Amino acid sequence: MTQIVVGENEGIESALRRFKRQVSKAGIFSDMKKHRHFETPEQKRKRKEVAKHRQRKRSFRN
């Protein structure tokens, strides 16, 4: 769980920015999006296949 401590003279905007940065570094948003809806095994297999295809396409470009 991501947690920040707000200093005495720290504004809410800077604390919110720090929190958002920590959440993005921890990968919480991507995990949340991945688990937002139930995915059937067939859908999961198709998603992984498309990701593998994209990865191969990127590796051939470099």
PDB file of N, CA and C in Angstrom:
ATOM      1  N   MET A   1       0.844  -1.177   0.000  1.00  0.00           N
ATOM      2  CA  MET A   1       0.000   0.000   0.000  1.00  0.00           C
ATOM      3  C   MET A   1       0.888   1.238   0.000  1.00  0.00           C
ATOM      4  N   THR A   2       0.555   2.174  -0.850  1.00  0.00           N
ATOM      5  CA  THR A   2       1.309   3.414  -0.966  1.00  0.00           C
ATOM      6  C   THR A   2       0.809   4.399   0.078  1.00  0.00           C
ATOM      7  N   GLN A   3       1.759   5.037   0.728  1.00  0.00           N
ATOM      8  CA  GLN A   3       1.400   5.951   1.805  1.00  0.00           C
ATOM      9  C   GLN A   3       2.412   7.083   1.827  1.00  0.00           C
ATOM     10  N   ILE A   4       1.945   8.317   2.079  1.00  0.00           N
ATOM     11  CA  ILE A   4       2.846   9.452   2.231  1.00  0.00           C
ATOM     12  C   ILE A   4       2.491  10.182   3.519  1.00  0.00           C
ATOM     13  N   VAL A   5       3.479  10.875   4.058  1.00  0.00           N
ATOM     14  CA  VAL A   5       3.263  11.684   5.253  1.00  0.00           C
ATOM     15  C   VAL A   5       3.369  13.143   4.829  1.00  0.00           C
ATOM     16  N   VAL A   6       2.340  13.916   5.113  1.00  0.00           N
ATOM     17  CA  VAL A   6       2.304  15.318   4.730  1.00  0.00           C
ATOM     18  C   VAL A   6       3.005  16.135   5.805  1.00  0.00           C
ATOM     19  N   GLY A   7       3.966  16.956   5.361  1.00  0.00           N
ATOM     20  CA  GLY A   7       4.703  17.804   6.289  1.00  0.00           C
ATOM     21  C   GLY A   7       3.852  18.958   6.789  1.00  0.00           C
ATOM     22  N   GLU A   8       4.336  19.640   7.827  1.00  0.00           N
ATOM     23  CA  GLU A   8       3.569  20.742   8.416  1.00  0.00           C
ATOM     24  C   GLU A   8       3.345  21.876   7.419  1.00  0.00           C
ATOM     25  N   ASN A   9       4.390  22.285   6.719  1.00  0.00           N
ATOM     26  CA  ASN A   9       4.285  23.433   5.813  1.00  0.00           C
ATOM     27  C   ASN A   9       4.095  23.005   4.355  1.00  0.00           C
ATOM     28  N   GLU A  10       3.760  21.764   4.131  1.00  0.00           N
ATOM     29  CA  GLU A  10       3.599  21.264   2.766  1.00  0.00           C
ATOM     30  C   GLU A  10       2.167  21.462   2.296  1.00  0.00           C
ATOM     31  N   GLY A  11       2.017  21.940   1.086  1.00  0.00           N
ATOM     32  CA  GLY A  11       0.694  22.146   0.514  1.00  0.00           C
ATOM     33  C   GLY A  11       0.076  20.837   0.057  1.00  0.00           C
ATOM     34  N   ILE A  12      -1.233  20.845  -0.071  1.00  0.00           N
ATOM     35  CA  ILE A  12      -1.946  19.646  -0.477  1.00  0.00           C
ATOM     36  C   ILE A  12      -1.598  19.275  -1.915  1.00  0.00           C
ATOM     37  N   GLU A  13      -1.328  20.279  -2.767  1.00  0.00           N
ATOM     38  CA  GLU A  13      -0.993  20.007  -4.162  1.00  0.00           C
ATOM     39  C   GLU A  13       0.311  19.232  -4.274  1.00  0.00           C
ATOM     40  N   SER A  14       1.317  19.631  -3.524  1.00  0.00           N
ATOM     41  CA  SER A  14       2.605  18.934  -3.603  1.00  0.00           C
ATOM     42  C   SER A  14       2.503  17.523  -2.993  1.00  0.00           C
ATOM     43  N   ALA A  15       1.706  17.381  -1.953  1.00  0.00           N
ATOM     44  CA  ALA A  15       1.517  16.054  -1.362  1.00  0.00           C
ATOM     45  C   ALA A  15       0.781  15.140  -2.336  1.00  0.00           C
ATOM     46  N   LEU A  16      -0.197  15.682  -3.033  1.00  0.00           N
ATOM     47  CA  LEU A  16      -0.938  14.904  -4.020  1.00  0.00           C
ATOM     48  C   LEU A  16      -0.026  14.500  -5.175  1.00  0.00           C
ATOM     49  N   ARG A  17       0.852  15.416  -5.599  1.00  0.00           N
ATOM     50  CA  ARG A  17       1.811  15.098  -6.660  1.00  0.00           C
ATOM     51  C   ARG A  17       2.742  13.966  -6.233  1.00  0.00           C
ATOM     52  N   ARG A  18       3.242  14.040  -4.991  1.00  0.00           N
ATOM     53  CA  ARG A  18       4.112  12.972  -4.475  1.00  0.00           C
ATOM     54  C   ARG A  18       3.376  11.634  -4.425  1.00  0.00           C
ATOM     55  N   PHE A  19       2.117  11.676  -3.988  1.00  0.00           N
ATOM     56  CA  PHE A  19       1.319  10.454  -3.908  1.00  0.00           C
ATOM     57  C   PHE A  19       1.115   9.841  -5.292  1.00  0.00           C
ATOM     58  N   LYS A  20       0.758  10.674  -6.271  1.00  0.00           N
ATOM     59  CA  LYS A  20       0.549  10.177  -7.629  1.00  0.00           C
ATOM     60  C   LYS A  20       1.832   9.578  -8.193  1.00  0.00           C
ATOM     61  N   ARG A  21       2.959  10.186  -7.911  1.00  0.00           N
ATOM     62  CA  ARG A  21       4.241   9.671  -8.390  1.00  0.00           C
ATOM     63  C   ARG A  21       4.541   8.305  -7.780  1.00  0.00           C
ATOM     64  N   GLN A  22       4.296   8.154  -6.488  1.00  0.00           N
ATOM     65  CA  GLN A  22       4.541   6.870  -5.826  1.00  0.00           C
ATOM     66  C   GLN A  22       3.597   5.787  -6.342  1.00  0.00           C
ATOM     67  N   VAL A  23       2.350   6.146  -6.591  1.00  0.00           N
ATOM     68  CA  VAL A  23       1.370   5.183  -7.097  1.00  0.00           C
ATOM     69  C   VAL A  23       1.773   4.717  -8.500  1.00  0.00           C
ATOM     70  N   SER A  24       2.229   5.648  -9.332  1.00  0.00           N
ATOM     71  CA  SER A  24       2.619   5.250 -10.689  1.00  0.00           C
ATOM     72  C   SER A  24       3.884   4.403 -10.664  1.00  0.00           C
ATOM     73  N   LYS A  25       4.818   4.693  -9.781  1.00  0.00           N
ATOM     74  CA  LYS A  25       6.035   3.886  -9.669  1.00  0.00           C
ATOM     75  C   LYS A  25       5.714   2.477  -9.182  1.00  0.00           C
ATOM     76  N   ALA A  26       4.742   2.349  -8.303  1.00  0.00           N
ATOM     77  CA  ALA A  26       4.375   1.046  -7.755  1.00  0.00           C
ATOM     78  C   ALA A  26       3.569   0.212  -8.749  1.00  0.00           C
ATOM     79  N   GLY A  27       3.063   0.828  -9.823  1.00  0.00           N
ATOM     80  CA  GLY A  27       2.302   0.091 -10.823  1.00  0.00           C
ATOM     81  C   GLY A  27       0.886  -0.224 -10.400  1.00  0.00           C
ATOM     82  N   ILE A  28       0.344   0.567  -9.518  1.00  0.00           N
ATOM     83  CA  ILE A  28      -0.999   0.307  -8.999  1.00  0.00           C
ATOM     84  C   ILE A  28      -2.068   0.591 -10.052  1.00  0.00           C
ATOM     85  N   PHE A  29      -1.892   1.670 -10.852  1.00  0.00           N
ATOM     86  CA  PHE A  29      -2.895   2.014 -11.861  1.00  0.00           C
ATOM     87  C   PHE A  29      -3.005   0.933 -12.923  1.00  0.00           C
ATOM     88  N   SER A  30      -1.874   0.437 -13.399  1.00  0.00           N
ATOM     89  CA  SER A  30      -1.928  -0.600 -14.434  1.00  0.00           C
ATOM     90  C   SER A  30      -2.560  -1.876 -13.890  1.00  0.00           C
ATOM     91  N   ASP A  31      -2.258  -2.208 -12.638  1.00  0.00           N
ATOM     92  CA  ASP A  31      -2.850  -3.391 -12.020  1.00  0.00           C
ATOM     93  C   ASP A  31      -4.352  -3.205 -11.834  1.00  0.00           C
ATOM     94  N   MET A  32      -4.752  -1.997 -11.461  1.00  0.00           N
ATOM     95  CA  MET A  32      -6.163  -1.703 -11.253  1.00  0.00           C
ATOM     96  C   MET A  32      -6.927  -1.817 -12.574  1.00  0.00           C
ATOM     97  N   LYS A  33      -6.351  -1.282 -13.663  1.00  0.00           N
ATOM     98  CA  LYS A  33      -7.009  -1.371 -14.960  1.00  0.00           C
ATOM     99  C   LYS A  33      -7.121  -2.817 -15.426  1.00  0.00           C
ATOM    100  N   LYS A  34      -6.097  -3.615 -15.127  1.00  0.00           N
ATOM    101  CA  LYS A  34      -6.088  -5.008 -15.550  1.00  0.00           C
ATOM    102  C   LYS A  34      -7.184  -5.803 -14.833  1.00  0.00           C
ATOM    103  N   HIS A  35      -7.469  -5.479 -13.584  1.00  0.00           N
ATOM    104  CA  HIS A  35      -8.446  -6.231 -12.796  1.00  0.00           C
ATOM    105  C   HIS A  35      -9.815  -5.554 -12.724  1.00  0.00           C
ATOM    106  N   ARG A  36     -10.035  -4.552 -13.555  1.00  0.00           N
ATOM    107  CA  ARG A  36     -11.290  -3.808 -13.505  1.00  0.00           C
ATOM    108  C   ARG A  36     -12.481  -4.677 -13.916  1.00  0.00           C
ATOM    109  N   HIS A  37     -12.306  -5.518 -14.936  1.00  0.00           N
ATOM    110  CA  HIS A  37     -13.378  -6.371 -15.427  1.00  0.00           C
ATOM    111  C   HIS A  37     -12.909  -7.818 -15.422  1.00  0.00           C
ATOM    112  N   PHE A  38     -13.843  -8.727 -15.285  1.00  0.00           N
ATOM    113  CA  PHE A  38     -13.500 -10.142 -15.349  1.00  0.00           C
ATOM    114  C   PHE A  38     -13.112 -10.496 -16.776  1.00  0.00           C
ATOM    115  N   GLU A  39     -12.070 -11.299 -16.900  1.00  0.00           N
ATOM    116  CA  GLU A  39     -11.582 -11.691 -18.214  1.00  0.00           C
ATOM    117  C   GLU A  39     -11.631 -13.211 -18.319  1.00  0.00           C
ATOM    118  N   THR A  40     -12.312 -13.695 -19.338  1.00  0.00           N
ATOM    119  CA  THR A  40     -12.390 -15.140 -19.527  1.00  0.00           C
ATOM    120  C   THR A  40     -11.025 -15.666 -19.976  1.00  0.00           C
ATOM    121  N   PRO A  41     -10.779 -16.949 -19.806  1.00  0.00           N
ATOM    122  CA  PRO A  41      -9.496 -17.514 -20.253  1.00  0.00           C
ATOM    123  C   PRO A  41      -9.234 -17.279 -21.738  1.00  0.00           C
ATOM    124  N   GLU A  42     -10.282 -17.318 -22.549  1.00  0.00           N
ATOM    125  CA  GLU A  42     -10.112 -17.072 -23.982  1.00  0.00           C
ATOM    126  C   GLU A  42      -9.676 -15.631 -24.241  1.00  0.00           C
ATOM    127  N   GLN A  43     -10.292 -14.681 -23.546  1.00  0.00           N
ATOM    128  CA  GLN A  43      -9.917 -13.278 -23.704  1.00  0.00           C
ATOM    129  C   GLN A  43      -8.487 -13.042 -23.234  1.00  0.00           C
ATOM    130  N   LYS A  44      -8.103 -13.691 -22.149  1.00  0.00           N
ATOM    131  CA  LYS A  44      -6.749 -13.555 -21.632  1.00  0.00           C
ATOM    132  C   LYS A  44      -5.724 -14.086 -22.641  1.00  0.00           C
ATOM    133  N   ARG A  45      -6.047 -15.226 -23.233  1.00  0.00           N
ATOM    134  CA  ARG A  45      -5.163 -15.842 -24.224  1.00  0.00           C
ATOM    135  C   ARG A  45      -4.997 -14.915 -25.440  1.00  0.00           C
ATOM    136  N   LYS A  46      -6.113 -14.329 -25.906  1.00  0.00           N
ATOM    137  CA  LYS A  46      -6.051 -13.411 -27.050  1.00  0.00           C
ATOM    138  C   LYS A  46      -5.246 -12.165 -26.715  1.00  0.00           C
ATOM    139  N   ARG A  47      -5.430 -11.627 -25.510  1.00  0.00           N
ATOM    140  CA  ARG A  47      -4.698 -10.426 -25.108  1.00  0.00           C
ATOM    141  C   ARG A  47      -3.205 -10.698 -25.065  1.00  0.00           C
ATOM    142  N   LYS A  48      -2.822 -11.842 -24.528  1.00  0.00           N
ATOM    143  CA  LYS A  48      -1.406 -12.193 -24.450  1.00  0.00           C
ATOM    144  C   LYS A  48      -0.824 -12.416 -25.838  1.00  0.00           C
ATOM    145  N   GLU A  49      -1.607 -13.010 -26.738  1.00  0.00           N
ATOM    146  CA  GLU A  49      -1.150 -13.236 -28.103  1.00  0.00           C
ATOM    147  C   GLU A  49      -0.903 -11.912 -28.824  1.00  0.00           C
ATOM    148  N   VAL A  50      -1.806 -10.958 -28.640  1.00  0.00           N
ATOM    149  CA  VAL A  50      -1.640  -9.640 -29.254  1.00  0.00           C
ATOM    150  C   VAL A  50      -0.421  -8.933 -28.667  1.00  0.00           C
ATOM    151  N   ALA A  51      -0.227  -9.043 -27.370  1.00  0.00           N
ATOM    152  CA  ALA A  51       0.934  -8.415 -26.735  1.00  0.00           C
ATOM    153  C   ALA A  51       2.235  -9.031 -27.250  1.00  0.00           C
ATOM    154  N   LYS A  52       2.241 -10.331 -27.438  1.00  0.00           N
ATOM    155  CA  LYS A  52       3.426 -11.005 -27.963  1.00  0.00           C
ATOM    156  C   LYS A  52       3.720 -10.537 -29.382  1.00  0.00           C
ATOM    157  N   HIS A  53       2.655 -10.373 -30.172  1.00  0.00           N
ATOM    158  CA  HIS A  53       2.810  -9.897 -31.541  1.00  0.00           C
ATOM    159  C   HIS A  53       3.391  -8.478 -31.557  1.00  0.00           C
ATOM    160  N   ARG A  54       2.877  -7.614 -30.686  1.00  0.00           N
ATOM    161  CA  ARG A  54       3.392  -6.236 -30.602  1.00  0.00           C
ATOM    162  C   ARG A  54       4.857  -6.225 -30.196  1.00  0.00           C
ATOM    163  N   GLN A  55       5.202  -7.076 -29.247  1.00  0.00           N
ATOM    164  CA  GLN A  55       6.580  -7.146 -28.767  1.00  0.00           C
ATOM    165  C   GLN A  55       7.520  -7.560 -29.899  1.00  0.00           C
ATOM    166  N   ARG A  56       7.119  -8.564 -30.684  1.00  0.00           N
ATOM    167  CA  ARG A  56       7.929  -9.018 -31.809  1.00  0.00           C
ATOM    168  C   ARG A  56       8.086  -7.907 -32.842  1.00  0.00           C
ATOM    169  N   LYS A  57       7.004  -7.181 -33.095  1.00  0.00           N
ATOM    170  CA  LYS A  57       7.024  -6.093 -34.075  1.00  0.00           C
ATOM    171  C   LYS A  57       8.001  -5.002 -33.639  1.00  0.00           C
ATOM    172  N   ARG A  58       8.027  -4.691 -32.347  1.00  0.00           N
ATOM    173  CA  ARG A  58       8.955  -3.678 -31.825  1.00  0.00           C
ATOM    174  C   ARG A  58      10.392  -4.147 -31.908  1.00  0.00           C
ATOM    175  N   SER A  59      10.635  -5.407 -31.640  1.00  0.00           N
ATOM    176  CA  SER A  59      12.007  -5.908 -31.652  1.00  0.00           C
ATOM    177  C   SER A  59      12.587  -5.934 -33.065  1.00  0.00           C
ATOM    178  N   PHE A  60      11.746  -6.122 -34.084  1.00  0.00           N
ATOM    179  CA  PHE A  60      12.240  -6.124 -35.461  1.00  0.00           C
ATOM    180  C   PHE A  60      12.570  -4.710 -35.939  1.00  0.00           C
ATOM    181  N   ARG A  61      11.932  -3.714 -35.390  1.00  0.00           N
ATOM    182  CA  ARG A  61      12.203  -2.323 -35.790  1.00  0.00           C
ATOM    183  C   ARG A  61      13.589  -1.880 -35.352  1.00  0.00           C
ATOM    184  N   ASN A  62      14.042  -2.300 -34.200  1.00  0.00           N
ATOM    185  CA  ASN A  62      15.330  -1.830 -33.670  1.00  0.00           C
ATOM    186  C   ASN A  62      16.472  -2.489 -34.287  1.00  0.00           C
TER     187      ASN A  62
END
